[in-house]
C-alpha atoms as a PDB file:
ATOM      1  CA  MET A   1     116.665  78.482 105.266  1.00  0.00           C
ATOM      2  CA  ALA A   2     118.261  80.895 102.813  1.00  0.00           C
ATOM      3  CA  SER A   3     121.066  79.796 100.519  1.00  0.00           C
ATOM      4  CA  ILE A   4     123.254  81.533  97.997  1.00  0.00           C
ATOM      5  CA  ASP A   5     126.021  80.566  95.588  1.00  0.00           C
ATOM      6  CA  LEU A   6     128.942  82.526  97.038  1.00  0.00           C
ATOM      7  CA  ASP A   7     130.912  82.213  93.794  1.00  0.00           C
ATOM      8  CA  LYS A   8     128.206  84.253  92.077  1.00  0.00           C
ATOM      9  CA  VAL A   9     128.086  87.093  94.602  1.00  0.00           C
ATOM     10  CA  LEU A  10     131.650  87.428  95.899  1.00  0.00           C
ATOM     11  CA  ASP A  11     134.973  88.314  94.359  1.00  0.00           C
ATOM     12  CA  LYS A  12     137.203  85.235  94.127  1.00  0.00           C
ATOM     13  CA  ALA A  13     139.387  86.412  97.010  1.00  0.00           C
ATOM     14  CA  TRP A  14     136.402  86.212  99.369  1.00  0.00           C
ATOM     15  CA  ALA A  15     134.638  83.065  98.128  1.00  0.00           C
ATOM     16  CA  ASP A  16     136.415  80.748 100.569  1.00  0.00           C
ATOM     17  CA  LYS A  17     136.018  82.972 103.639  1.00  0.00           C
ATOM     18  CA  SER A  18     133.693  82.292 106.545  1.00  0.00           C
ATOM     19  CA  LEU A  19     130.376  84.109 106.783  1.00  0.00           C
ATOM     20  CA  PRO A  20     131.571  86.251 109.732  1.00  0.00           C
ATOM     21  CA  GLU A  21     134.609  87.301 107.660  1.00  0.00           C
ATOM     22  CA  ILE A  22     132.403  88.118 104.672  1.00  0.00           C
ATOM     23  CA  MET A  23     130.005  90.203 106.753  1.00  0.00           C
ATOM     24  CA  THR A  24     132.891  92.331 108.059  1.00  0.00           C
ATOM     25  CA  ALA A  25     134.515  92.593 104.623  1.00  0.00           C
ATOM     26  CA  PRO A  26     134.473  95.837 102.668  1.00  0.00           C
ATOM     27  CA  VAL A  27     131.551  96.106 100.242  1.00  0.00           C
ATOM     28  CA  ALA A  28     134.033  95.721  97.386  1.00  0.00           C
ATOM     29  CA  ALA A  29     134.140  92.012  98.350  1.00  0.00           C
ATOM     30  CA  LEU A  30     130.810  91.760  96.518  1.00  0.00           C
ATOM     31  CA  LYS A  31     131.147  90.886  92.840  1.00  0.00           C
ATOM     32  CA  GLY A  32     130.590  93.982  90.709  1.00  0.00           C
ATOM     33  CA  VAL A  33     131.239  96.485  93.508  1.00  0.00           C
ATOM     34  CA  SER A  34     134.472  98.373  92.925  1.00  0.00           C
ATOM     35  CA  ASP A  35     136.685 100.016  95.523  1.00  0.00           C
ATOM     36  CA  ARG A  36     135.396 103.362  94.227  1.00  0.00           C
ATOM     37  CA  ASP A  37     131.799 102.200  94.648  1.00  0.00           C
ATOM     38  CA  GLY A  38     132.695 101.303  98.219  1.00  0.00           C
ATOM     39  CA  GLU A  39     134.143 104.763  98.795  1.00  0.00           C
ATOM     40  CA  LEU A  40     130.986 106.372  97.435  1.00  0.00           C
ATOM     41  CA  LEU A  41     128.749 104.192  99.623  1.00  0.00           C
ATOM     42  CA  GLN A  42     130.822 105.197 102.627  1.00  0.00           C
ATOM     43  CA  GLU A  43     130.613 108.888 101.757  1.00  0.00           C
ATOM     44  CA  ALA A  44     126.892 108.822 101.053  1.00  0.00           C
ATOM     45  CA  PHE A  45     125.601 106.417 103.700  1.00  0.00           C
ATOM     46  CA  GLY A  46     128.450 105.524 106.059  1.00  0.00           C
ATOM     47  CA  VAL A  47     128.518 101.978 104.659  1.00  0.00           C
ATOM     48  CA  ARG A  48     131.886 100.294 105.133  1.00  0.00           C
ATOM     49  CA  THR A  49     131.130  96.577 105.305  1.00  0.00           C
ATOM     50  CA  VAL A  50     128.842  93.997 103.745  1.00  0.00           C
ATOM     51  CA  ALA A  51     126.912  93.958 107.041  1.00  0.00           C
ATOM     52  CA  ASP A  52     126.517  97.750 106.936  1.00  0.00           C
ATOM     53  CA  LEU A  53     125.054  97.477 103.432  1.00  0.00           C
ATOM     54  CA  ALA A  54     122.661  94.714 104.494  1.00  0.00           C
ATOM     55  CA  GLU A  55     121.465  96.847 107.410  1.00  0.00           C
ATOM     56  CA  LEU A  56     121.080 100.055 105.403  1.00  0.00           C
ATOM     57  CA  LYS A  57     117.496 101.202 105.828  1.00  0.00           C
ATOM     58  CA  TYR A  58     117.197 102.201 102.181  1.00  0.00           C
ATOM     59  CA  VAL A  59     118.130  98.689 101.084  1.00  0.00           C
ATOM     60  CA  ARG A  60     115.553  97.234 103.491  1.00  0.00           C
ATOM     61  CA  TRP A  61     112.888  99.652 102.246  1.00  0.00           C
ATOM     62  CA  ALA A  62     113.611  98.761  98.611  1.00  0.00           C
ATOM     63  CA  GLN A  63     113.440  95.035  99.417  1.00  0.00           C
ATOM     64  CA  ALA A  64     110.115  95.510 101.204  1.00  0.00           C
ATOM     65  CA  LEU A  65     108.684  97.425  98.257  1.00  0.00           C
ATOM     66  CA  ALA A  66     109.863  94.746  95.842  1.00  0.00           C
ATOM     67  CA  ALA A  67     108.259  92.057  98.016  1.00  0.00           C
ATOM     68  CA  LEU A  68     104.984  94.004  98.035  1.00  0.00           C
ATOM     69  CA  ASP A  69     105.181  94.339  94.270  1.00  0.00           C
ATOM     70  CA  GLY A  70     105.539  90.574  93.993  1.00  0.00           C
ATOM     71  CA  ALA A  71     107.193  90.835  90.601  1.00  0.00           C
ATOM     72  CA  ARG A  72     110.731  90.427  91.852  1.00  0.00           C
END
């Protein structure tokens, strides 16, 4: 089972939210992603939410390549 320290990956305002709320949150809920970054992701890829980002084929491709590389 996967686990993650939510305090390390989410802005403070989102750290106490449920997983369904986090998945439907704007990508700016992720620590280090600004509102402007979110706007650019939406313009470039149609990504609006954390779930959209997780499902983005380019993210999946990059993860698969990193797994094949084994160094990550």
